[in-house]
Amino acid sequence: MLVRTRSLFLRPLSVADAPALFAARSDPEVMRYWDWPAQASVGEIERIFEDHLPALGDGSALWFAVALSPDGPAIGECDLSEIDRHHGRAELGFLFARAHWGKGYGLEAAQALVELGFGELGLGRLWARLHAGNEGSKRILEKLGFAYEGTLKGHVVRDGERRDCLIYGKLRD
């Protein structure tokens, strides 16, 4: 499934996208508010992608490489995960290489997934979890009409410390 937006192409993520996504996933600033620290090698990223193949195969996740052309290198990634068709909900996520921050790509890709989730997938609720302090992702979610729903205290352990996560949600109009 290829999703086309005004300036982006979202194509199913593959292990072959790992080298291009190394620019994002190896950058400590990009990964600052992620559950896992920056990855040290392309091989590590390939293993992460391979570990997610079962969820992609069974339809419980849709994970996209985001590029500026249909076959161009990935500049970021976005996903709908934990897709629950019984309850009609999914979690939204996105990550972009720092060289592509501030260009509206995160908002554009996330909007495309909101439309996919509420449209073609027929979901009734989307939600996102972000680390406390992640103001960039918070702004994107708020622009998309997501509302703050609560804080999960000490929800993840990162670099030996417990971090709070904020939950944002949106119901289909």
Protein backbone atom coordinates (compact mmCIF):
# COMPACT_ATOMS: atom_id res chain seq x y z
CA MET A 1 0.00 0.00 0.00
CA LEU A 2 1.46 3.32 -1.08
CA VAL A 3 0.04 6.45 0.55
CA ARG A 4 0.62 9.71 -1.33
CA THR A 5 0.37 13.11 0.33
CA ARG A 6 1.04 16.58 -1.05
CA SER A 7 4.82 16.17 -0.78
CA LEU A 8 5.46 12.69 0.67
CA PHE A 9 5.27 9.04 -0.26
CA LEU A 10 4.53 6.54 2.52
CA ARG A 11 5.44 3.02 1.46
CA PRO A 12 5.53 -0.17 3.52
CA LEU A 13 8.74 -0.16 5.55
CA SER A 14 11.22 -2.89 4.74
CA VAL A 15 14.55 -4.04 6.08
CA ALA A 16 16.09 -2.39 3.00
CA ASP A 17 15.13 1.02 4.50
CA ALA A 18 17.47 0.50 7.48
CA PRO A 19 20.54 2.22 5.93
CA ALA A 20 18.57 5.38 5.07
CA LEU A 21 16.86 5.44 8.48
CA PHE A 22 20.22 5.11 10.23
CA ALA A 23 20.50 8.92 9.95
CA ALA A 24 17.46 9.26 12.23
CA ARG A 25 17.82 6.23 14.47
CA SER A 26 21.52 6.78 15.22
CA ASP A 27 21.01 10.44 16.20
CA PRO A 28 20.74 10.88 20.00
CA GLU A 29 18.70 14.07 19.55
CA VAL A 30 16.14 12.34 17.31
CA MET A 31 15.93 9.42 19.74
CA ARG A 32 15.88 11.64 22.84
CA TYR A 33 12.17 11.00 23.49
CA TRP A 34 12.03 7.43 22.20
CA ASP A 35 11.70 4.30 24.34
CA TRP A 36 15.10 3.09 23.15
CA PRO A 37 18.41 4.93 22.79
CA ALA A 38 20.02 5.70 19.44
CA GLN A 39 20.98 2.59 17.48
CA ALA A 40 24.68 1.99 16.92
CA SER A 41 24.57 0.17 13.57
CA VAL A 42 22.47 -0.49 10.51
CA GLY A 43 22.46 -4.16 11.53
CA GLU A 44 20.77 -3.27 14.81
CA ILE A 45 18.06 -1.37 12.94
CA GLU A 46 17.60 -4.30 10.54
CA ARG A 47 17.03 -6.63 13.51
CA ILE A 48 14.45 -4.24 14.98
CA PHE A 49 12.60 -4.14 11.66
CA GLU A 50 12.75 -7.93 11.32
CA ASP A 51 11.32 -8.33 14.84
CA HIS A 52 8.24 -6.38 13.73
CA LEU A 53 7.53 -8.43 10.61
CA PRO A 54 4.97 -10.71 12.34
CA ALA A 55 2.83 -7.70 13.39
CA LEU A 56 3.02 -6.35 9.86
CA GLY A 57 2.03 -9.73 8.45
CA ASP A 58 -0.96 -10.28 10.72
CA GLY A 59 -2.37 -6.78 10.24
CA SER A 60 -1.88 -5.59 13.82
CA ALA A 61 0.48 -2.88 12.56
CA LEU A 62 1.10 -0.76 9.48
CA TRP A 63 4.61 0.68 9.33
CA PHE A 64 5.69 3.08 6.61
CA ALA A 65 8.97 4.49 5.36
CA VAL A 66 8.43 8.15 4.47
CA ALA A 67 10.21 9.47 1.37
CA LEU A 68 10.13 12.47 -0.93
CA SER A 69 9.70 10.29 -4.03
CA PRO A 70 8.19 6.82 -4.55
CA ASP A 71 11.56 5.05 -4.62
CA GLY A 72 13.63 7.66 -2.78
CA PRO A 73 15.50 7.09 0.47
CA ALA A 74 13.48 7.14 3.67
CA ILE A 75 13.67 10.43 5.59
CA GLY A 76 11.49 9.13 8.40
CA GLU A 77 8.95 6.55 9.42
CA CYS A 78 5.40 6.48 10.73
CA ASP A 79 3.07 3.76 11.87
CA LEU A 80 -0.25 2.63 13.18
CA SER A 81 0.46 -0.07 15.74
CA GLU A 82 -1.55 -2.12 18.20
CA ILE A 83 -4.36 -2.10 15.67
CA ASP A 84 -7.36 -3.57 17.48
CA ARG A 85 -10.22 -4.15 15.07
CA HIS A 86 -12.59 -5.37 17.80
CA HIS A 87 -12.30 -2.08 19.71
CA GLY A 88 -11.60 -0.05 16.57
CA ARG A 89 -8.43 1.65 17.76
CA ALA A 90 -4.72 2.00 17.00
CA GLU A 91 -1.64 3.85 18.23
CA LEU A 92 -0.06 6.49 15.99
CA GLY A 93 3.71 7.00 15.86
CA PHE A 94 6.23 8.98 13.78
CA LEU A 95 9.95 9.74 13.66
CA PHE A 96 12.02 11.83 11.20
CA ALA A 97 15.70 12.48 10.60
CA ARG A 98 16.72 15.83 12.10
CA ALA A 99 17.67 17.23 8.68
CA HIS A 100 13.95 17.09 7.84
CA TRP A 101 12.56 18.69 11.01
CA GLY A 102 10.64 21.95 10.74
CA LYS A 103 9.37 21.28 7.21
CA GLY A 104 5.90 20.02 8.16
CA TYR A 105 6.66 16.43 7.16
CA GLY A 106 5.76 14.96 10.55
CA LEU A 107 2.37 16.67 10.49
CA GLU A 108 1.76 15.69 6.87
CA ALA A 109 2.63 12.01 7.43
CA ALA A 110 0.67 11.81 10.69
CA GLN A 111 -2.36 13.42 8.99
CA ALA A 112 -2.20 10.77 6.26
CA LEU A 113 -2.27 8.01 8.88
CA VAL A 114 -5.16 9.64 10.74
CA GLU A 115 -7.10 9.69 7.46
CA LEU A 116 -6.13 6.07 6.75
CA GLY A 117 -7.10 4.94 10.26
CA PHE A 118 -10.46 6.69 10.36
CA GLY A 119 -11.17 6.17 6.66
CA GLU A 120 -10.06 2.95 5.01
CA LEU A 121 -9.48 1.05 8.27
CA GLY A 122 -12.73 2.29 9.80
CA LEU A 123 -11.24 2.83 13.25
CA GLY A 124 -13.07 4.96 15.79
CA ARG A 125 -10.14 5.99 18.00
CA LEU A 126 -6.48 6.82 17.54
CA TRP A 127 -4.07 7.50 20.35
CA ALA A 128 -0.42 8.39 20.76
CA ARG A 129 2.04 8.02 23.62
CA LEU A 130 4.91 10.45 23.94
CA HIS A 131 7.59 11.04 26.53
CA ALA A 132 7.06 14.02 28.79
CA GLY A 133 8.97 16.98 27.34
CA ASN A 134 8.51 16.02 23.68
CA GLU A 135 7.05 19.37 22.63
CA GLY A 136 7.47 18.79 18.88
CA SER A 137 5.30 15.68 18.84
CA LYS A 138 2.83 17.31 21.23
CA ARG A 139 2.37 20.24 18.81
CA ILE A 140 1.80 17.88 15.87
CA LEU A 141 -0.81 15.89 17.78
CA GLU A 142 -2.63 19.02 18.94
CA LYS A 143 -2.70 20.38 15.36
CA LEU A 144 -4.34 17.10 14.34
CA GLY A 145 -7.03 17.50 16.99
CA PHE A 146 -5.65 15.02 19.52
CA ALA A 147 -6.34 15.93 23.14
CA TYR A 148 -4.30 15.22 26.25
CA GLU A 149 -5.88 12.35 28.18
CA GLY A 150 -3.46 11.67 31.01
CA THR A 151 0.02 10.79 32.19
CA LEU A 152 1.44 7.32 32.70
CA LYS A 153 3.86 7.84 35.59
CA GLY A 154 7.22 6.09 35.18
CA HIS A 155 5.87 4.18 32.18
CA VAL A 156 9.20 3.45 30.47
CA VAL A 157 12.76 2.90 31.62
CA ARG A 158 15.28 4.75 29.49
CA ASP A 159 18.96 5.09 30.34
CA GLY A 160 18.29 3.60 33.76
CA GLU A 161 15.60 6.12 34.70
CA ARG A 162 11.82 5.88 34.73
CA ARG A 163 10.10 8.33 32.40
CA ASP A 164 6.55 9.61 32.35
CA CYS A 165 4.56 9.26 29.13
CA LEU A 166 1.67 11.45 28.03
CA ILE A 167 -1.36 9.96 26.29
CA TYR A 168 -3.13 11.92 23.56
CA GLY A 169 -6.26 10.63 21.86
CA LYS A 170 -8.70 11.44 19.11
CA LEU A 171 -12.10 9.99 18.24
CA ARG A 172 -13.37 9.82 14.68
CA ASP A 173 -15.54 12.85 13.90
